[in-house]
Amino acid sequence: MSVYDYSINLIEGRKEELSSHKGEVLLLVNTASKCGFTPQFEALEQLHKKYADKGLTVIGFPCNQFGEQSPGSNEEEQEFCQIRYGVTFPLSEKIDVNGENAHPLFQYLTSVTEFSGFGENENLKNILETKFGVEFNSSTIKWNFTKFLVDRYGNVTRFEPTTKPEDLIPAIEAAL
């Protein structure tokens, strides 16, 4: 299996086969419109604009599983992203990334990567453990804005929410 074996439903209702992106670099991000990390949309859009013509495709996946921070309809999520952050990269319809209803793409992504921790952000870890009961010994997604960089050959590297999009530039450039 690889990323290219999956399809997604884009937020406007069109189905997209990820096989159409073979040979490109993908940045797949579970997003939310009411999260402390939501301002990352701006930097994701900058990456999209800077590298799209070199073969990078950014795709956002709105998800309401973490603190109900993406509560709007598909249309409301899309409008928010476009108006507030000028997002032009594709968004999928709202999905689950964990649990029994997790989208198969994210089941795959978490099966081939491991949670790498939140670096020096122990506060986030403590909040997630105590308030939300998040398990840290698994490869499940812990919070909004977990990022998966897929190189031109389908190899996947995972970056946690605390990794800013601009900090991905060296990895993106190496993958391109």
C-alpha atoms as a PDB file:
ATOM      1  CA  MET A   1       0.000   0.000   0.000  1.00  0.00           C
ATOM      2  CA  SER A   2       0.984   3.607  -0.499  1.00  0.00           C
ATOM      3  CA  VAL A   3      -0.581   7.060  -0.312  1.00  0.00           C
ATOM      4  CA  TYR A   4      -1.422   6.699  -3.999  1.00  0.00           C
ATOM      5  CA  ASP A   5      -3.882   3.871  -3.297  1.00  0.00           C
ATOM      6  CA  TYR A   6      -6.347   6.259  -1.608  1.00  0.00           C
ATOM      7  CA  SER A   7      -8.900   8.783  -2.742  1.00  0.00           C
ATOM      8  CA  ILE A   8     -10.364  11.767  -0.960  1.00  0.00           C
ATOM      9  CA  ASN A   9     -13.516  13.825  -1.324  1.00  0.00           C
ATOM     10  CA  LEU A  10     -12.630  17.463  -1.730  1.00  0.00           C
ATOM     11  CA  ILE A  11     -14.632  19.992   0.247  1.00  0.00           C
ATOM     12  CA  GLU A  12     -16.558  21.123  -2.838  1.00  0.00           C
ATOM     13  CA  GLY A  13     -17.721  17.530  -3.396  1.00  0.00           C
ATOM     14  CA  ARG A  14     -15.341  16.281  -6.100  1.00  0.00           C
ATOM     15  CA  LYS A  15     -13.541  12.955  -5.601  1.00  0.00           C
ATOM     16  CA  GLU A  16      -9.793  13.024  -6.117  1.00  0.00           C
ATOM     17  CA  GLU A  17      -7.536  10.009  -6.571  1.00  0.00           C
ATOM     18  CA  LEU A  18      -4.206  10.568  -4.866  1.00  0.00           C
ATOM     19  CA  SER A  19      -2.641   8.504  -7.650  1.00  0.00           C
ATOM     20  CA  SER A  20      -3.043  11.661  -9.752  1.00  0.00           C
ATOM     21  CA  HIS A  21      -0.259  13.134  -7.579  1.00  0.00           C
ATOM     22  CA  LYS A  22       2.356  10.441  -8.252  1.00  0.00           C
ATOM     23  CA  GLY A  23       5.719  12.078  -8.754  1.00  0.00           C
ATOM     24  CA  GLU A  24       4.705  15.163  -6.747  1.00  0.00           C
ATOM     25  CA  VAL A  25       5.501  16.063  -3.166  1.00  0.00           C
ATOM     26  CA  LEU A  26       2.438  16.143  -0.911  1.00  0.00           C
ATOM     27  CA  LEU A  27       1.965  17.935   2.386  1.00  0.00           C
ATOM     28  CA  LEU A  28      -1.113  16.470   4.085  1.00  0.00           C
ATOM     29  CA  VAL A  29      -2.325  18.307   7.199  1.00  0.00           C
ATOM     30  CA  ASN A  30      -5.256  17.703   9.535  1.00  0.00           C
ATOM     31  CA  THR A  31      -6.629  21.176  10.184  1.00  0.00           C
ATOM     32  CA  ALA A  32      -9.088  23.030  12.395  1.00  0.00           C
ATOM     33  CA  SER A  33     -10.556  26.505  12.222  1.00  0.00           C
ATOM     34  CA  LYS A  34     -10.702  27.298  15.954  1.00  0.00           C
ATOM     35  CA  CYS A  35      -7.380  25.973  17.258  1.00  0.00           C
ATOM     36  CA  GLY A  36      -4.337  27.702  18.697  1.00  0.00           C
ATOM     37  CA  PHE A  37      -2.453  26.329  15.676  1.00  0.00           C
ATOM     38  CA  THR A  38      -5.003  27.695  13.155  1.00  0.00           C
ATOM     39  CA  PRO A  39      -2.694  30.605  12.180  1.00  0.00           C
ATOM     40  CA  GLN A  40      -0.506  27.931  10.545  1.00  0.00           C
ATOM     41  CA  PHE A  41      -2.921  28.192   7.602  1.00  0.00           C
ATOM     42  CA  GLU A  42      -1.108  31.371   6.576  1.00  0.00           C
ATOM     43  CA  ALA A  43       2.302  29.670   6.420  1.00  0.00           C
ATOM     44  CA  LEU A  44       0.813  26.605   4.699  1.00  0.00           C
ATOM     45  CA  GLU A  45      -0.605  28.899   2.033  1.00  0.00           C
ATOM     46  CA  GLN A  46       2.809  30.552   1.644  1.00  0.00           C
ATOM     47  CA  LEU A  47       4.400  27.113   1.120  1.00  0.00           C
ATOM     48  CA  HIS A  48       1.701  26.294  -1.413  1.00  0.00           C
ATOM     49  CA  LYS A  49       2.335  29.483  -3.377  1.00  0.00           C
ATOM     50  CA  LYS A  50       6.119  29.215  -3.199  1.00  0.00           C
ATOM     51  CA  TYR A  51       6.459  25.557  -4.193  1.00  0.00           C
ATOM     52  CA  ALA A  52       3.355  24.567  -6.197  1.00  0.00           C
ATOM     53  CA  ASP A  53       5.097  25.186  -9.516  1.00  0.00           C
ATOM     54  CA  LYS A  54       7.994  22.995  -8.344  1.00  0.00           C
ATOM     55  CA  GLY A  55       5.715  20.037  -7.577  1.00  0.00           C
ATOM     56  CA  LEU A  56       4.359  20.543  -4.029  1.00  0.00           C
ATOM     57  CA  THR A  57       0.668  20.010  -3.343  1.00  0.00           C
ATOM     58  CA  VAL A  58      -0.650  20.999   0.087  1.00  0.00           C
ATOM     59  CA  ILE A  59      -3.967  19.417   1.097  1.00  0.00           C
ATOM     60  CA  GLY A  60      -5.827  20.329   4.289  1.00  0.00           C
ATOM     61  CA  PHE A  61      -8.154  17.876   6.031  1.00  0.00           C
ATOM     62  CA  PRO A  62     -10.583  19.635   8.404  1.00  0.00           C
ATOM     63  CA  CYS A  63     -11.159  17.506  11.490  1.00  0.00           C
ATOM     64  CA  ASN A  64     -13.371  18.136  14.518  1.00  0.00           C
ATOM     65  CA  GLN A  65     -11.953  15.383  16.753  1.00  0.00           C
ATOM     66  CA  PHE A  66      -9.693  17.537  18.920  1.00  0.00           C
ATOM     67  CA  GLY A  67     -11.579  19.809  21.271  1.00  0.00           C
ATOM     68  CA  GLU A  68     -14.353  20.255  18.673  1.00  0.00           C
ATOM     69  CA  GLN A  69     -12.230  22.975  17.073  1.00  0.00           C
ATOM     70  CA  SER A  70     -13.584  22.556  13.555  1.00  0.00           C
ATOM     71  CA  PRO A  71     -17.329  22.724  14.227  1.00  0.00           C
ATOM     72  CA  GLY A  72     -18.550  24.305  10.997  1.00  0.00           C
ATOM     73  CA  SER A  73     -20.028  22.641   7.952  1.00  0.00           C
ATOM     74  CA  ASN A  74     -17.754  21.914   4.997  1.00  0.00           C
ATOM     75  CA  GLU A  75     -18.898  25.166   3.429  1.00  0.00           C
ATOM     76  CA  GLU A  76     -18.234  27.158   6.605  1.00  0.00           C
ATOM     77  CA  GLU A  77     -14.766  25.631   6.998  1.00  0.00           C
ATOM     78  CA  GLN A  78     -13.872  26.444   3.390  1.00  0.00           C
ATOM     79  CA  GLU A  79     -15.199  29.993   3.652  1.00  0.00           C
ATOM     80  CA  PHE A  80     -13.280  30.582   6.890  1.00  0.00           C
ATOM     81  CA  CYS A  81     -10.010  29.367   5.353  1.00  0.00           C
ATOM     82  CA  GLN A  82     -10.437  31.451   2.221  1.00  0.00           C
ATOM     83  CA  ILE A  83     -11.573  34.671   3.896  1.00  0.00           C
ATOM     84  CA  ARG A  84      -9.357  34.621   6.983  1.00  0.00           C
ATOM     85  CA  TYR A  85      -6.174  33.120   5.529  1.00  0.00           C
ATOM     86  CA  GLY A  86      -6.565  33.344   1.749  1.00  0.00           C
ATOM     87  CA  VAL A  87      -6.246  29.567   1.411  1.00  0.00           C
ATOM     88  CA  THR A  88      -6.143  28.436  -2.199  1.00  0.00           C
ATOM     89  CA  PHE A  89      -4.757  24.926  -1.670  1.00  0.00           C
ATOM     90  CA  PRO A  90      -7.253  22.035  -1.732  1.00  0.00           C
ATOM     91  CA  LEU A  91      -9.250  21.073   1.336  1.00  0.00           C
ATOM     92  CA  SER A  92     -10.955  17.747   1.811  1.00  0.00           C
ATOM     93  CA  GLU A  93     -14.392  17.341   3.267  1.00  0.00           C
ATOM     94  CA  LYS A  94     -14.345  17.073   7.066  1.00  0.00           C
ATOM     95  CA  ILE A  95     -12.954  13.732   8.207  1.00  0.00           C
ATOM     96  CA  ASP A  96     -11.920  11.788  11.292  1.00  0.00           C
ATOM     97  CA  VAL A  97      -8.216  11.032  11.567  1.00  0.00           C
ATOM     98  CA  ASN A  98      -8.373   8.661  14.556  1.00  0.00           C
ATOM     99  CA  GLY A  99     -10.678   5.920  15.778  1.00  0.00           C
ATOM    100  CA  GLU A 100     -13.018   3.512  14.074  1.00  0.00           C
ATOM    101  CA  ASN A 101     -14.238   6.162  11.596  1.00  0.00           C
ATOM    102  CA  ALA A 102     -10.770   7.402  10.676  1.00  0.00           C
ATOM    103  CA  HIS A 103     -10.339   8.056   6.975  1.00  0.00           C
ATOM    104  CA  PRO A 104      -8.377   5.156   5.413  1.00  0.00           C
ATOM    105  CA  LEU A 105      -5.673   7.576   4.243  1.00  0.00           C
ATOM    106  CA  PHE A 106      -4.982   8.621   7.828  1.00  0.00           C
ATOM    107  CA  GLN A 107      -5.109   5.013   9.012  1.00  0.00           C
ATOM    108  CA  TYR A 108      -2.340   4.386   6.492  1.00  0.00           C
ATOM    109  CA  LEU A 109      -0.332   7.515   7.385  1.00  0.00           C
ATOM    110  CA  THR A 110      -0.323   6.683  11.094  1.00  0.00           C
ATOM    111  CA  SER A 111       0.576   3.051  10.385  1.00  0.00           C
ATOM    112  CA  VAL A 112       3.784   4.034   8.556  1.00  0.00           C
ATOM    113  CA  THR A 113       4.922   6.828  10.903  1.00  0.00           C
ATOM    114  CA  GLU A 114       5.441   7.265  14.617  1.00  0.00           C
ATOM    115  CA  PHE A 115       4.530  10.051  16.975  1.00  0.00           C
ATOM    116  CA  SER A 116       7.726  12.034  17.522  1.00  0.00           C
ATOM    117  CA  GLY A 117       6.725  14.069  20.561  1.00  0.00           C
ATOM    118  CA  PHE A 118       6.135  17.765  21.004  1.00  0.00           C
ATOM    119  CA  GLY A 119       9.752  18.729  21.516  1.00  0.00           C
ATOM    120  CA  GLU A 120      10.131  21.034  24.472  1.00  0.00           C
ATOM    121  CA  ASN A 121       6.411  21.779  24.701  1.00  0.00           C
ATOM    122  CA  GLU A 122       5.652  19.765  27.833  1.00  0.00           C
ATOM    123  CA  ASN A 123       2.672  22.032  28.586  1.00  0.00           C
ATOM    124  CA  LEU A 124       0.825  20.777  25.513  1.00  0.00           C
ATOM    125  CA  LYS A 125       1.560  17.169  26.427  1.00  0.00           C
ATOM    126  CA  ASN A 126       0.295  17.698  29.986  1.00  0.00           C
ATOM    127  CA  ILE A 127      -2.891  19.429  28.809  1.00  0.00           C
ATOM    128  CA  LEU A 128      -3.660  16.718  26.267  1.00  0.00           C
ATOM    129  CA  GLU A 129      -3.034  13.923  28.766  1.00  0.00           C
ATOM    130  CA  THR A 130      -5.065  15.398  31.623  1.00  0.00           C
ATOM    131  CA  LYS A 131      -7.887  17.171  29.798  1.00  0.00           C
ATOM    132  CA  PHE A 132      -8.372  14.880  26.803  1.00  0.00           C
ATOM    133  CA  GLY A 133      -6.813  11.569  27.880  1.00  0.00           C
ATOM    134  CA  VAL A 134      -4.599  11.449  24.790  1.00  0.00           C
ATOM    135  CA  GLU A 135      -2.420   8.331  24.695  1.00  0.00           C
ATOM    136  CA  PHE A 136       1.212   9.132  23.898  1.00  0.00           C
ATOM    137  CA  ASN A 137       2.512   5.621  23.341  1.00  0.00           C
ATOM    138  CA  SER A 138       0.806   5.128  19.992  1.00  0.00           C
ATOM    139  CA  SER A 139       1.135   6.481  16.479  1.00  0.00           C
ATOM    140  CA  THR A 140      -2.328   8.075  16.593  1.00  0.00           C
ATOM    141  CA  ILE A 141      -2.618  11.743  15.777  1.00  0.00           C
ATOM    142  CA  LYS A 142      -2.499  13.768  18.968  1.00  0.00           C
ATOM    143  CA  TRP A 143      -3.872  17.132  17.828  1.00  0.00           C
ATOM    144  CA  ASN A 144      -4.744  19.449  14.954  1.00  0.00           C
ATOM    145  CA  PHE A 145      -2.095  20.402  12.389  1.00  0.00           C
ATOM    146  CA  THR A 146      -0.146  17.156  12.360  1.00  0.00           C
ATOM    147  CA  LYS A 147       1.686  17.205   9.043  1.00  0.00           C
ATOM    148  CA  PHE A 148       2.684  14.366   6.712  1.00  0.00           C
ATOM    149  CA  LEU A 149       5.231  15.098   3.999  1.00  0.00           C
ATOM    150  CA  VAL A 150       5.158  12.571   1.162  1.00  0.00           C
ATOM    151  CA  ASP A 151       8.143  12.625  -1.172  1.00  0.00           C
ATOM    152  CA  ARG A 152       8.041  11.914  -4.918  1.00  0.00           C
ATOM    153  CA  TYR A 153       8.448   8.185  -4.227  1.00  0.00           C
ATOM    154  CA  GLY A 154       5.668   7.899  -1.648  1.00  0.00           C
ATOM    155  CA  ASN A 155       7.885   7.897   1.459  1.00  0.00           C
ATOM    156  CA  VAL A 156       6.153   9.575   4.402  1.00  0.00           C
ATOM    157  CA  THR A 157       7.689  11.766   7.112  1.00  0.00           C
ATOM    158  CA  ARG A 158       5.581  12.988  10.027  1.00  0.00           C
ATOM    159  CA  PHE A 159       5.754  16.379  11.738  1.00  0.00           C
ATOM    160  CA  GLU A 160       3.773  17.170  14.857  1.00  0.00           C
ATOM    161  CA  PRO A 161       1.556  20.254  15.379  1.00  0.00           C
ATOM    162  CA  THR A 162       4.316  22.180  17.144  1.00  0.00           C
ATOM    163  CA  THR A 163       6.442  22.073  13.980  1.00  0.00           C
ATOM    164  CA  LYS A 164       5.756  25.314  12.148  1.00  0.00           C
ATOM    165  CA  PRO A 165       5.152  25.024   8.400  1.00  0.00           C
ATOM    166  CA  GLU A 166       8.118  27.292   7.656  1.00  0.00           C
ATOM    167  CA  ASP A 167      10.359  24.844   9.538  1.00  0.00           C
ATOM    168  CA  LEU A 168       9.459  22.240   6.887  1.00  0.00           C
ATOM    169  CA  ILE A 169      11.210  24.181   4.115  1.00  0.00           C
ATOM    170  CA  PRO A 170      14.468  22.159   4.246  1.00  0.00           C
ATOM    171  CA  ALA A 171      12.521  18.871   4.127  1.00  0.00           C
ATOM    172  CA  ILE A 172      10.276  20.135   1.328  1.00  0.00           C
ATOM    173  CA  GLU A 173      13.217  21.366  -0.715  1.00  0.00           C
ATOM    174  CA  ALA A 174      15.036  18.053  -0.223  1.00  0.00           C
ATOM    175  CA  ALA A 175      11.922  16.152  -1.331  1.00  0.00           C
ATOM    176  CA  LEU A 176      11.470  18.313  -4.418  1.00  0.00           C
END
